[in-house]
Amino acid sequence: MVRTQNCVRLPLTLLLLICFLTAAPYPCTSWRPALAQPAVGVPVLIAVAEPPYVNVLLDITPVSFTVRPYIEDGTTMVPLRALGEAVGAEIGWDDTQKAATYSKSGLTLLIRVGETTVSTTDGQLIPMPKPAVLLDGNTMVPLRLFTEILGYSVSWDESTRTVYISSPKERTSPGMWGFYALGSLTYSSWSDVFGARYPYSEDDCAANKMEGLFLGWFAVDKQGNITSKYNPTGFQKPDGWPSVILRARLHGMKLFCMYFADHESDIGSLLDDPVTRRRLAFDIAGMSAEYDGVLIDFEGLGLDEALAERDKANFNEFLELLRDHLKDKPLAVALPPLSSPYKGYDHGDIGHVADLVVLMAYNFQDPKSPSPVASLEQVDNAIRQECELVSPDKIILGIPAYGALYRVSEDGQASIIALPPSKDGIAGFPEYPGVSAFNTGRHADNATLAFIPEYLCNYIEWEGIEGSYKAYLEDTRSLQVRVMMAQRYGLRGVAVWRLGFLPENWWIGL
C-alpha cells in the first residue's frame, strides 16, 4: 500500500475551486452544475464566470486560453489560435498584413484585424458581426466564425455563463478498436463486443461499429520465447478463442495479434542480444500467419536513462526485422506518451516503420494523491506531442475503460485501493456506497457525483468508516469526449483499454 504525507482533505467544491483559480487568470464566483448540457447523465460541474467573461467548452472539454473569452455588445469573442488548434487546425500569422490564417481539411480562412469580413480560399467574403481584434498578442474573433463558417453548433447555459461548442458530424469517424484480453466464467471481453454472455451474441452490438480487435493473447517470457499460456503478465488465450475469431470475422472486423513484454521479462536485455532479437522477430512473424496484423506492446524501455539510447537502437532494429518478415502485413506498435519516464522509444522512426501507432494516453494517475487516470491536459498534450513526430493518420488514441478508487485516512494518508476497477472489482464493492450509486444510476446520501471536464471522467467522493473515498470513474460519456478529441485532431482511430470494463451499451452514440 502506497501512502503519502501532508495530504490535506478538502471538500470537493473547494478542491475544484483551487484547481480552477490556479489554472485560469480570471476569478470565478462559485461552482454549480450546468443546466443546459449537450449530454445526459450526471451533472457537469462548471465554474460560474464573472461578466463579461464566459466559459467555453469544446465537446464538453475546456480549452486552454491565455486570454479568456468574453462577450461584447452581444458578441462572444474567442482567441482564434487556442480554439483553432483545439479543433485540429493550423493557425498562422502575417505580421505585415496583421492577418491570421485558419487551415484545416483543405479550407483556409484569412482573418484581418480590424475587418468585419473573412476571406475564404475561393475568394468569398463572409461578414462577421464584429471585427477581429488583437488582445495581449491574441487574435480575438467572433465565435460565429466557428458556427456559421465551420459548422460547429453552440448552446448557452446562462446559470454558469458557459458556451458549449459541439463539433460537426464528420463524414468519417475515427475507427474504433478494442483490446480483447482475458476470458473466464466470471470475466470476459466477449460481452462488451458481442452484447451477450459467451458464446451468444446480439444482432445489435458494438462489433457492428468496431474496425478491429487487438487480441492480447501472447507474451514474451524471460527466455525470449512466445507464450499464449498463463504467465505473470496475465495475458493468455482464453478458452473458446476460435469462437472469438469466427464471430469477429462474421462482423468484418480486423484481428491483430498482440505481443506483450515488460520489465518482468526483462525485454530491454532480450532485445540487446542480437540472436534473441532476430529470433523473436522471426517467431512473432511466423505465429501471426492467421491474423490480419501484429501489435507490438513492449513496455518499460528506457526507464533507466543510461540505457535509453541502447533500447531505442535495439527496438528500432527489432521492428525493422519484423517489418521485413511480415512483408505486407500491417504492423502496429503501442507507445507510451512522450511525457512518460520511458525514454527508450524513437517515436519518429517507429512512426515511419509502423503502419499504426497506438498512443497509450492513460495511466497518468498519481499513486500518492487522488487523481484521474487520464486528465484533459495530459491526454491533449500526449496527442499534440505525438502528432509532431508521427502522422496523425497513423495514430490510434488509446482510451481507458477503467478508473481509480482512492481512500484517504483520517491522518491524510492517501492510497489507491482499486486500479483498475473491473466489473468484478469496483462494481462489486457493496461497502462503497458512492460507487454502487454510480453503477446503478441512483443518488447516494453520502456521495457527491459530477462529471469534471478537466478530468475527462466522473468524480465521486463520500465519507466512510475508514476515511474518505475518492473515485474517478469512466462511462460512455467520458469515452465519447475522447473519441471527439481524436476526431478533431484527425487521428486514425481510438482503442479502448480494455474490453470487459465497460457499461452496457457503451458503444451507442460513438
Protein backbone atom coordinates (compact mmCIF):
# COMPACT_ATOMS: atom_id res chain seq x y z
CA MET A 1 0.00 0.00 0.00
CA VAL A 2 1.41 3.37 -1.04
CA ARG A 3 0.93 6.26 1.35
CA THR A 4 1.76 9.94 1.17
CA GLN A 5 2.32 12.52 3.87
CA ASN A 6 0.92 16.02 4.25
CA CYS A 7 -2.21 15.21 2.24
CA VAL A 8 -4.90 17.68 3.30
CA ARG A 9 -8.54 16.61 2.94
CA LEU A 10 -10.59 19.25 1.16
CA PRO A 11 -14.26 19.40 0.27
CA LEU A 12 -14.96 18.80 -3.43
CA THR A 13 -16.11 22.38 -4.07
CA LEU A 14 -13.02 23.92 -2.52
CA LEU A 15 -10.69 21.45 -4.22
CA LEU A 16 -12.07 22.22 -7.65
CA LEU A 17 -12.13 25.95 -6.98
CA ILE A 18 -8.43 25.89 -6.13
CA CYS A 19 -7.68 23.91 -9.31
CA PHE A 20 -9.59 26.41 -11.42
CA LEU A 21 -8.02 29.50 -9.88
CA THR A 22 -4.51 28.16 -10.33
CA ALA A 23 -5.19 27.37 -13.98
CA ALA A 24 -7.10 30.48 -15.04
CA PRO A 25 -6.03 34.15 -14.89
CA TYR A 26 -9.53 35.36 -14.01
CA PRO A 27 -11.54 34.64 -10.87
CA CYS A 28 -14.90 32.93 -10.74
CA THR A 29 -17.69 33.46 -8.24
CA SER A 30 -18.85 29.91 -7.48
CA TRP A 31 -19.36 26.42 -8.79
CA ARG A 32 -22.64 24.89 -9.78
CA PRO A 33 -23.93 22.18 -12.09
CA ALA A 34 -24.57 23.42 -15.60
CA LEU A 35 -28.22 23.35 -16.69
CA ALA A 36 -28.06 23.43 -20.49
CA GLN A 37 -25.92 20.42 -21.30
CA PRO A 38 -25.30 18.62 -24.59
CA ALA A 39 -25.33 15.20 -22.92
CA VAL A 40 -27.41 13.35 -20.37
CA GLY A 41 -26.23 11.66 -17.20
CA VAL A 42 -24.59 13.06 -14.09
CA PRO A 43 -24.27 16.86 -13.95
CA VAL A 44 -21.28 18.63 -15.47
CA LEU A 45 -19.61 20.76 -12.81
CA ILE A 46 -18.74 24.19 -14.21
CA ALA A 47 -17.29 27.33 -12.63
CA VAL A 48 -19.57 30.36 -12.85
CA ALA A 49 -17.84 33.05 -14.92
CA GLU A 50 -17.96 36.72 -13.98
CA PRO A 51 -19.23 39.12 -16.68
CA PRO A 52 -18.06 39.93 -19.28
CA TYR A 53 -16.12 36.63 -19.34
CA VAL A 54 -17.57 33.30 -20.38
CA ASN A 55 -16.57 29.66 -20.09
CA VAL A 56 -16.05 27.84 -23.38
CA LEU A 57 -16.25 24.06 -23.56
CA LEU A 58 -15.48 22.18 -26.76
CA ASP A 59 -17.25 18.82 -26.85
CA ILE A 60 -17.58 19.08 -23.04
CA THR A 61 -13.85 19.73 -22.60
CA PRO A 62 -12.28 23.04 -21.55
CA VAL A 63 -9.97 24.87 -23.92
CA SER A 64 -6.71 26.30 -22.59
CA PHE A 65 -6.92 30.06 -23.20
CA THR A 66 -4.18 32.57 -22.41
CA VAL A 67 -6.81 35.28 -22.87
CA ARG A 68 -10.24 34.43 -21.63
CA PRO A 69 -13.26 34.65 -23.98
CA TYR A 70 -15.70 37.47 -23.32
CA ILE A 71 -18.99 38.95 -24.53
CA GLU A 72 -19.02 42.46 -26.03
CA ASP A 73 -22.17 44.06 -27.40
CA GLY A 74 -23.84 40.67 -27.51
CA THR A 75 -20.99 39.01 -29.46
CA THR A 76 -18.84 36.27 -27.93
CA MET A 77 -15.18 36.84 -28.76
CA VAL A 78 -12.71 33.92 -28.58
CA PRO A 79 -8.94 33.55 -29.16
CA LEU A 80 -8.52 32.16 -32.67
CA ARG A 81 -5.27 30.25 -32.08
CA ALA A 82 -6.32 28.44 -28.91
CA LEU A 83 -9.73 27.39 -30.19
CA GLY A 84 -8.47 26.72 -33.72
CA GLU A 85 -5.65 24.45 -32.56
CA ALA A 86 -8.08 22.69 -30.20
CA VAL A 87 -10.16 21.66 -33.22
CA GLY A 88 -7.05 20.42 -35.04
CA ALA A 89 -6.45 23.39 -37.35
CA GLU A 90 -3.19 25.14 -38.21
CA ILE A 91 -3.14 28.82 -37.26
CA GLY A 92 -0.73 31.21 -38.95
CA TRP A 93 0.07 34.91 -38.56
CA ASP A 94 1.25 37.52 -41.05
CA ASP A 95 2.56 40.47 -39.06
CA THR A 96 2.86 42.66 -42.15
CA GLN A 97 -0.82 42.32 -43.06
CA LYS A 98 -1.94 41.96 -39.42
CA ALA A 99 -3.82 38.89 -40.52
CA ALA A 100 -4.30 35.38 -39.14
CA THR A 101 -4.97 32.24 -41.16
CA TYR A 102 -7.02 29.19 -40.23
CA SER A 103 -6.30 25.99 -42.21
CA LYS A 104 -7.92 22.59 -41.88
CA SER A 105 -9.14 19.89 -44.26
CA GLY A 106 -8.33 21.90 -47.38
CA LEU A 107 -10.08 25.05 -46.16
CA THR A 108 -8.08 28.22 -45.47
CA LEU A 109 -9.55 31.38 -43.96
CA LEU A 110 -7.86 34.78 -43.85
CA ILE A 111 -8.88 36.96 -40.89
CA ARG A 112 -7.56 40.53 -40.93
CA VAL A 113 -7.53 42.50 -37.69
CA GLY A 114 -9.99 45.39 -37.81
CA GLU A 115 -12.10 43.98 -40.66
CA THR A 116 -15.61 42.57 -40.36
CA THR A 117 -15.21 40.11 -43.23
CA VAL A 118 -13.37 36.79 -43.52
CA SER A 119 -11.82 35.70 -46.84
CA THR A 120 -12.02 32.07 -47.98
CA THR A 121 -9.70 30.19 -50.35
CA ASP A 122 -12.13 30.62 -53.24
CA GLY A 123 -12.30 34.40 -52.80
CA GLN A 124 -15.59 34.66 -50.93
CA LEU A 125 -16.05 37.37 -48.31
CA ILE A 126 -18.11 36.32 -45.30
CA PRO A 127 -19.39 39.06 -42.95
CA MET A 128 -18.82 38.87 -39.20
CA PRO A 129 -20.77 40.78 -36.51
CA LYS A 130 -17.59 42.40 -35.11
CA PRO A 131 -14.05 42.86 -36.45
CA ALA A 132 -11.16 40.73 -35.26
CA VAL A 133 -9.06 42.49 -32.63
CA LEU A 134 -5.64 41.97 -31.05
CA LEU A 135 -5.67 41.47 -27.29
CA ASP A 136 -2.41 40.75 -25.47
CA GLY A 137 -0.97 39.26 -28.65
CA ASN A 138 -4.03 37.09 -29.35
CA THR A 139 -6.32 37.45 -32.35
CA MET A 140 -9.84 37.58 -30.94
CA VAL A 141 -12.61 36.63 -33.38
CA PRO A 142 -16.39 36.31 -33.09
CA LEU A 143 -17.44 32.81 -32.09
CA ARG A 144 -19.78 32.95 -35.09
CA LEU A 145 -16.70 32.24 -37.23
CA PHE A 146 -16.77 28.67 -35.93
CA THR A 147 -20.55 28.25 -36.06
CA GLU A 148 -21.55 29.84 -39.37
CA ILE A 149 -18.44 29.10 -41.45
CA LEU A 150 -17.01 25.94 -39.92
CA GLY A 151 -20.22 24.21 -38.94
CA TYR A 152 -19.88 23.93 -35.16
CA SER A 153 -23.06 24.12 -33.09
CA VAL A 154 -23.42 26.13 -29.89
CA SER A 155 -25.61 26.05 -26.80
CA TRP A 156 -25.64 28.51 -23.92
CA ASP A 157 -26.02 27.97 -20.18
CA GLU A 158 -26.99 31.22 -18.51
CA SER A 159 -26.58 29.86 -14.98
CA THR A 160 -22.82 29.40 -15.38
CA ARG A 161 -22.24 31.69 -18.40
CA THR A 162 -20.94 28.71 -20.35
CA VAL A 163 -20.78 28.26 -24.12
CA TYR A 164 -20.94 24.62 -25.20
CA ILE A 165 -19.41 24.09 -28.65
CA SER A 166 -20.14 20.80 -30.39
CA SER A 167 -18.08 19.55 -33.31
CA PRO A 168 -19.87 18.93 -36.60
CA LYS A 169 -20.60 15.35 -37.52
CA GLU A 170 -17.74 14.29 -39.75
CA ARG A 171 -18.32 12.02 -42.72
CA THR A 172 -15.77 9.60 -41.32
CA SER A 173 -15.44 8.97 -37.60
CA PRO A 174 -12.27 7.56 -36.05
CA GLY A 175 -12.03 3.79 -36.35
CA MET A 176 -13.00 2.01 -33.13
CA TRP A 177 -10.66 -0.69 -31.85
CA GLY A 178 -10.65 -2.62 -28.61
CA PHE A 179 -8.18 -4.70 -26.63
CA TYR A 180 -9.56 -8.20 -26.17
CA ALA A 181 -7.79 -9.66 -23.17
CA LEU A 182 -8.68 -12.29 -20.62
CA GLY A 183 -11.61 -14.69 -20.76
CA SER A 184 -13.18 -16.75 -17.96
CA LEU A 185 -16.53 -17.69 -16.46
CA THR A 186 -16.57 -14.55 -14.31
CA TYR A 187 -14.88 -12.06 -16.60
CA SER A 188 -14.69 -11.75 -20.36
CA SER A 189 -14.16 -9.18 -23.08
CA TRP A 190 -16.78 -11.04 -25.13
CA SER A 191 -19.90 -9.28 -23.85
CA ASP A 192 -18.54 -5.77 -24.49
CA VAL A 193 -18.04 -6.69 -28.16
CA PHE A 194 -20.92 -9.01 -28.97
CA GLY A 195 -23.55 -7.81 -26.50
CA ALA A 196 -24.30 -11.09 -24.73
CA ARG A 197 -22.61 -13.62 -22.50
CA TYR A 198 -20.27 -16.08 -24.22
CA PRO A 199 -20.92 -17.87 -26.56
CA TYR A 200 -24.05 -15.93 -27.56
CA SER A 201 -24.26 -12.63 -29.41
CA GLU A 202 -26.77 -9.90 -30.21
CA ASP A 203 -27.54 -8.66 -33.71
CA ASP A 204 -27.24 -5.07 -32.47
CA CYS A 205 -23.86 -4.90 -30.72
CA ALA A 206 -20.60 -2.97 -30.57
CA ALA A 207 -18.96 -5.26 -33.13
CA ASN A 208 -21.05 -3.58 -35.83
CA LYS A 209 -19.24 -0.30 -35.17
CA MET A 210 -15.75 -1.62 -34.48
CA GLU A 211 -12.96 -1.73 -37.04
CA GLY A 212 -10.96 -4.38 -35.25
CA LEU A 213 -9.60 -6.08 -32.14
CA PHE A 214 -6.14 -6.24 -30.63
CA LEU A 215 -6.05 -9.78 -29.24
CA GLY A 216 -3.89 -9.67 -26.10
CA TRP A 217 -3.16 -13.38 -26.04
CA PHE A 218 0.62 -13.57 -26.42
CA ALA A 219 3.54 -12.56 -24.25
CA VAL A 220 7.34 -12.80 -24.21
CA ASP A 221 8.78 -14.76 -21.28
CA LYS A 222 12.15 -14.26 -19.59
CA GLN A 223 13.84 -16.61 -22.03
CA GLY A 224 12.60 -14.67 -25.03
CA ASN A 225 10.00 -17.26 -26.00
CA ILE A 226 6.45 -16.51 -27.11
CA THR A 227 3.76 -17.96 -24.86
CA SER A 228 -0.03 -18.00 -25.08
CA LYS A 229 -0.48 -19.77 -21.76
CA TYR A 230 -0.80 -18.20 -18.33
CA ASN A 231 2.15 -16.07 -17.34
CA PRO A 232 2.83 -13.34 -14.74
CA THR A 233 1.53 -10.62 -17.08
CA GLY A 234 -1.90 -12.25 -17.14
CA PHE A 235 -2.10 -12.37 -20.94
CA GLN A 236 -3.25 -15.65 -22.40
CA LYS A 237 -5.52 -17.21 -24.98
CA PRO A 238 -8.94 -17.63 -23.37
CA ASP A 239 -10.97 -20.80 -23.60
CA GLY A 240 -13.08 -20.70 -26.73
CA TRP A 241 -10.69 -18.39 -28.58
CA PRO A 242 -11.67 -19.81 -32.02
CA SER A 243 -15.19 -18.53 -31.35
CA VAL A 244 -13.83 -15.02 -30.86
CA ILE A 245 -12.05 -15.14 -34.20
CA LEU A 246 -15.04 -16.63 -36.04
CA ARG A 247 -17.60 -14.21 -34.57
CA ALA A 248 -15.34 -11.19 -35.19
CA ARG A 249 -14.76 -12.18 -38.81
CA LEU A 250 -18.52 -12.57 -39.33
CA HIS A 251 -18.75 -8.89 -38.34
CA GLY A 252 -15.96 -7.96 -40.77
CA MET A 253 -13.53 -6.97 -38.02
CA LYS A 254 -9.74 -6.90 -38.43
CA LEU A 255 -7.80 -9.07 -35.97
CA PHE A 256 -4.32 -8.08 -34.80
CA CYS A 257 -2.41 -10.45 -32.52
CA MET A 258 -0.78 -8.55 -29.68
CA TYR A 259 2.61 -9.45 -28.19
CA PHE A 260 3.31 -8.08 -24.73
CA ALA A 261 6.53 -7.73 -22.77
CA ASP A 262 7.75 -5.51 -19.93
CA HIS A 263 10.30 -5.41 -17.12
CA GLU A 264 9.06 -8.79 -15.83
CA SER A 265 10.51 -10.41 -18.95
CA ASP A 266 13.49 -8.01 -18.98
CA ILE A 267 12.65 -7.05 -22.54
CA GLY A 268 15.46 -4.50 -22.72
CA SER A 269 18.11 -7.16 -22.13
CA LEU A 270 16.42 -9.60 -24.50
CA LEU A 271 16.48 -7.06 -27.33
CA ASP A 272 20.11 -6.27 -26.56
CA ASP A 273 21.08 -9.79 -27.60
CA PRO A 274 21.33 -9.87 -31.45
CA VAL A 275 20.48 -13.58 -31.65
CA THR A 276 17.41 -13.27 -29.41
CA ARG A 277 16.33 -10.10 -31.20
CA ARG A 278 16.36 -11.81 -34.59
CA ARG A 279 14.72 -14.99 -33.31
CA LEU A 280 11.96 -13.01 -31.59
CA ALA A 281 11.14 -11.11 -34.79
CA PHE A 282 11.10 -14.37 -36.78
CA ASP A 283 8.92 -16.22 -34.24
CA ILE A 284 6.36 -13.40 -33.99
CA ALA A 285 6.03 -13.19 -37.77
CA GLY A 286 5.58 -16.95 -38.04
CA MET A 287 2.95 -17.16 -35.31
CA SER A 288 0.94 -14.31 -36.86
CA ALA A 289 0.11 -16.00 -40.15
CA GLU A 290 -3.61 -16.45 -39.40
CA TYR A 291 -4.12 -12.85 -38.24
CA ASP A 292 -4.62 -9.62 -40.19
CA GLY A 293 -1.81 -7.75 -38.44
CA VAL A 294 0.57 -7.60 -35.47
CA LEU A 295 0.64 -5.26 -32.47
CA ILE A 296 3.90 -4.98 -30.51
CA ASP A 297 3.48 -3.77 -26.91
CA PHE A 298 6.94 -3.85 -25.35
CA GLU A 299 6.74 -1.63 -22.28
CA GLY A 300 9.27 -0.12 -19.91
CA LEU A 301 12.12 0.57 -22.34
CA GLY A 302 14.38 3.44 -21.33
CA LEU A 303 13.24 3.78 -17.73
CA ASP A 304 16.95 3.72 -16.93
CA GLU A 305 18.05 6.81 -18.87
CA ALA A 306 21.58 5.45 -19.11
CA LEU A 307 20.18 2.65 -21.28
CA ALA A 308 17.68 4.74 -23.25
CA GLU A 309 19.78 5.09 -26.41
CA ARG A 310 20.65 1.40 -26.34
CA ASP A 311 16.97 0.49 -26.04
CA LYS A 312 16.00 2.85 -28.86
CA ALA A 313 18.52 1.35 -31.26
CA ASN A 314 17.67 -2.25 -30.36
CA PHE A 315 13.93 -1.71 -30.59
CA ASN A 316 14.26 0.05 -33.93
CA GLU A 317 16.32 -2.82 -35.34
CA PHE A 318 13.83 -5.38 -33.99
CA LEU A 319 10.94 -3.55 -35.67
CA GLU A 320 12.84 -3.34 -38.96
CA LEU A 321 13.47 -7.10 -38.83
CA LEU A 322 9.84 -7.79 -38.00
CA ARG A 323 8.71 -5.44 -40.76
CA ASP A 324 10.76 -7.44 -43.29
CA HIS A 325 9.35 -10.78 -42.08
CA LEU A 326 5.75 -9.53 -42.11
CA LYS A 327 6.11 -8.22 -45.66
CA ASP A 328 2.76 -6.54 -46.49
CA LYS A 329 1.00 -7.48 -43.24
CA PRO A 330 0.26 -4.35 -41.13
CA LEU A 331 2.48 -3.65 -38.13
CA ALA A 332 1.18 -1.66 -35.14
CA VAL A 333 3.26 -0.51 -32.16
CA ALA A 334 1.90 0.60 -28.78
CA LEU A 335 3.85 3.54 -27.35
CA PRO A 336 3.78 5.49 -24.08
CA PRO A 337 3.36 9.26 -24.39
CA LEU A 338 6.48 11.32 -24.95
CA SER A 339 5.98 12.82 -21.48
CA SER A 340 6.33 9.39 -19.82
CA PRO A 341 9.52 8.37 -17.98
CA TYR A 342 10.13 5.66 -20.58
CA LYS A 343 12.66 7.18 -22.99
CA GLY A 344 13.66 4.06 -24.93
CA TYR A 345 11.37 4.71 -27.91
CA ASP A 346 12.26 6.64 -31.06
CA HIS A 347 8.74 7.83 -31.86
CA GLY A 348 9.68 9.39 -35.18
CA ASP A 349 11.44 6.31 -36.56
CA ILE A 350 8.76 3.99 -35.18
CA GLY A 351 6.09 6.11 -36.86
CA HIS A 352 7.95 5.64 -40.13
CA VAL A 353 8.33 1.85 -39.85
CA ALA A 354 4.92 1.05 -38.34
CA ASP A 355 1.59 1.24 -40.13
CA LEU A 356 -0.19 2.17 -36.89
CA VAL A 357 0.91 3.70 -33.58
CA VAL A 358 -1.31 3.09 -30.55
CA LEU A 359 -0.77 6.01 -28.17
CA MET A 360 -1.33 4.80 -24.60
CA ALA A 361 -2.76 8.07 -23.28
CA TYR A 362 -3.75 6.81 -19.84
CA ASN A 363 -2.31 5.51 -16.57
CA PHE A 364 -1.35 9.05 -15.52
CA GLN A 365 -2.82 8.66 -12.01
CA ASP A 366 -0.61 9.56 -9.04
CA PRO A 367 -0.41 6.70 -6.51
CA LYS A 368 0.35 9.23 -3.76
CA SER A 369 -2.50 11.64 -4.41
CA PRO A 370 -6.08 11.21 -5.71
CA SER A 371 -6.06 11.96 -9.43
CA PRO A 372 -7.76 10.83 -12.66
CA VAL A 373 -6.34 8.14 -14.90
CA ALA A 374 -6.25 10.41 -17.97
CA SER A 375 -6.97 14.09 -17.47
CA LEU A 376 -7.70 16.51 -20.31
CA GLU A 377 -4.34 18.29 -20.11
CA GLN A 378 -2.38 15.03 -20.11
CA VAL A 379 -4.31 13.49 -23.00
CA ASP A 380 -4.27 16.67 -25.07
CA ASN A 381 -0.52 17.13 -24.56
CA ALA A 382 0.10 13.48 -25.47
CA ILE A 383 -1.80 13.87 -28.75
CA ARG A 384 -0.13 17.15 -29.71
CA GLN A 385 3.38 15.89 -28.99
CA GLU A 386 2.85 12.62 -30.86
CA CYS A 387 1.44 14.42 -33.91
CA GLU A 388 4.68 16.39 -34.18
CA LEU A 389 6.62 13.16 -34.84
CA VAL A 390 4.04 10.74 -36.25
CA SER A 391 1.49 11.37 -38.99
CA PRO A 392 -1.98 11.73 -37.37
CA ASP A 393 -3.47 9.28 -39.88
CA LYS A 394 -1.29 6.58 -38.30
CA ILE A 395 -2.15 7.33 -34.66
CA ILE A 396 -4.76 5.37 -32.73
CA LEU A 397 -5.61 7.05 -29.41
CA GLY A 398 -5.67 4.63 -26.51
CA ILE A 399 -8.52 5.49 -24.14
CA PRO A 400 -9.10 3.97 -20.68
CA ALA A 401 -12.18 1.97 -19.77
CA TYR A 402 -11.17 1.97 -16.12
CA GLY A 403 -10.86 4.47 -13.29
CA ALA A 404 -9.17 4.73 -9.91
CA LEU A 405 -10.50 4.48 -6.38
CA TYR A 406 -8.60 6.14 -3.51
CA ARG A 407 -9.01 6.04 0.24
CA VAL A 408 -7.81 8.97 2.35
CA SER A 409 -7.43 8.11 6.03
CA GLU A 410 -8.11 10.41 8.95
CA ASP A 411 -4.45 11.42 9.11
CA GLY A 412 -4.49 12.44 5.42
CA GLN A 413 -2.69 9.37 4.05
CA ALA A 414 -3.94 8.55 0.52
CA SER A 415 -3.69 5.21 -1.27
CA ILE A 416 -5.15 3.53 -4.33
CA ILE A 417 -7.34 0.62 -3.28
CA ALA A 418 -8.71 -0.33 -6.71
CA LEU A 419 -6.93 0.07 -10.05
CA PRO A 420 -8.22 -0.77 -12.49
CA PRO A 421 -11.80 -1.34 -11.36
CA SER A 422 -13.22 -4.23 -13.35
CA LYS A 423 -16.79 -5.44 -13.36
CA ASP A 424 -15.77 -7.85 -10.61
CA GLY A 425 -13.81 -5.13 -8.83
CA ILE A 426 -15.11 -1.66 -8.12
CA ALA A 427 -18.68 -2.56 -9.11
CA GLY A 428 -18.60 -5.46 -6.69
CA PHE A 429 -17.74 -3.46 -3.54
CA PRO A 430 -21.09 -3.06 -1.74
CA GLU A 431 -19.41 -1.28 1.18
CA TYR A 432 -18.62 1.66 -1.11
CA PRO A 433 -21.99 3.46 -1.39
CA GLY A 434 -20.73 6.09 -3.80
CA VAL A 435 -19.58 3.56 -6.37
CA SER A 436 -22.69 1.43 -6.05
CA ALA A 437 -24.81 4.55 -6.51
CA PHE A 438 -22.89 5.43 -9.67
CA ASN A 439 -23.22 1.93 -11.10
CA THR A 440 -26.97 1.77 -10.51
CA GLY A 441 -27.70 5.35 -11.58
CA ARG A 442 -29.07 6.28 -8.15
CA HIS A 443 -28.02 9.02 -5.77
CA ALA A 444 -26.25 8.21 -2.52
CA ASP A 445 -26.99 10.36 0.53
CA ASN A 446 -23.31 10.42 1.45
CA ALA A 447 -21.82 10.96 -2.01
CA THR A 448 -21.15 13.91 -4.33
CA LEU A 449 -21.08 12.99 -8.01
CA ALA A 450 -20.27 15.10 -11.07
CA PHE A 451 -18.62 14.91 -14.47
CA ILE A 452 -15.47 17.07 -14.27
CA PRO A 453 -14.46 18.36 -17.72
CA GLU A 454 -10.82 18.82 -16.68
CA TYR A 455 -10.69 15.18 -15.55
CA LEU A 456 -12.49 13.81 -18.65
CA CYS A 457 -14.36 11.49 -16.31
CA ASN A 458 -16.84 11.30 -13.45
CA TYR A 459 -15.70 12.17 -9.96
CA ILE A 460 -17.41 10.98 -6.80
CA GLU A 461 -16.44 11.28 -3.15
CA TRP A 462 -18.02 10.13 0.06
CA GLU A 463 -17.25 9.54 3.72
CA GLY A 464 -16.73 6.06 5.14
CA ILE A 465 -15.78 4.43 8.41
CA GLU A 466 -12.08 4.20 7.48
CA GLY A 467 -11.83 7.67 5.98
CA SER A 468 -12.97 9.45 2.84
CA TYR A 469 -13.16 7.87 -0.60
CA LYS A 470 -12.48 9.50 -3.95
CA ALA A 471 -13.23 7.71 -7.21
CA TYR A 472 -12.59 8.62 -10.85
CA LEU A 473 -14.99 6.60 -12.99
CA GLU A 474 -15.29 6.20 -16.74
CA ASP A 475 -18.57 5.78 -18.60
CA THR A 476 -19.99 6.20 -22.09
CA ARG A 477 -19.78 10.00 -21.94
CA SER A 478 -16.10 10.02 -20.96
CA LEU A 479 -15.38 7.69 -23.87
CA GLN A 480 -17.33 9.97 -26.19
CA VAL A 481 -15.33 13.09 -25.35
CA ARG A 482 -12.06 11.26 -26.07
CA VAL A 483 -13.42 9.94 -29.37
CA MET A 484 -14.29 13.52 -30.32
CA MET A 485 -10.76 14.66 -29.41
CA ALA A 486 -9.34 12.02 -31.76
CA GLN A 487 -11.72 13.16 -34.48
CA ARG A 488 -10.78 16.83 -34.11
CA TYR A 489 -7.07 16.04 -34.41
CA GLY A 490 -7.64 13.85 -37.45
CA LEU A 491 -6.35 10.67 -35.80
CA ARG A 492 -6.74 7.27 -37.44
CA GLY A 493 -8.84 5.83 -34.63
CA VAL A 494 -9.27 5.04 -30.95
CA ALA A 495 -8.60 1.86 -28.99
CA VAL A 496 -10.34 1.01 -25.71
CA TRP A 497 -8.17 -0.47 -22.95
CA ARG A 498 -9.73 -2.72 -22.27
CA LEU A 499 -12.89 -4.57 -23.24
CA GLY A 500 -14.61 -6.09 -20.23
CA PHE A 501 -14.65 -2.92 -18.09
CA LEU A 502 -17.40 -1.08 -19.96
CA PRO A 503 -21.03 -0.33 -19.07
CA GLU A 504 -23.85 -1.94 -21.03
CA ASN A 505 -24.45 -0.38 -24.46
CA TRP A 506 -21.24 1.63 -24.13
CA TRP A 507 -20.88 1.90 -27.91
CA ILE A 508 -24.19 3.63 -28.63
CA GLY A 509 -23.56 7.21 -29.75
CA LEU A 510 -19.87 6.72 -30.51
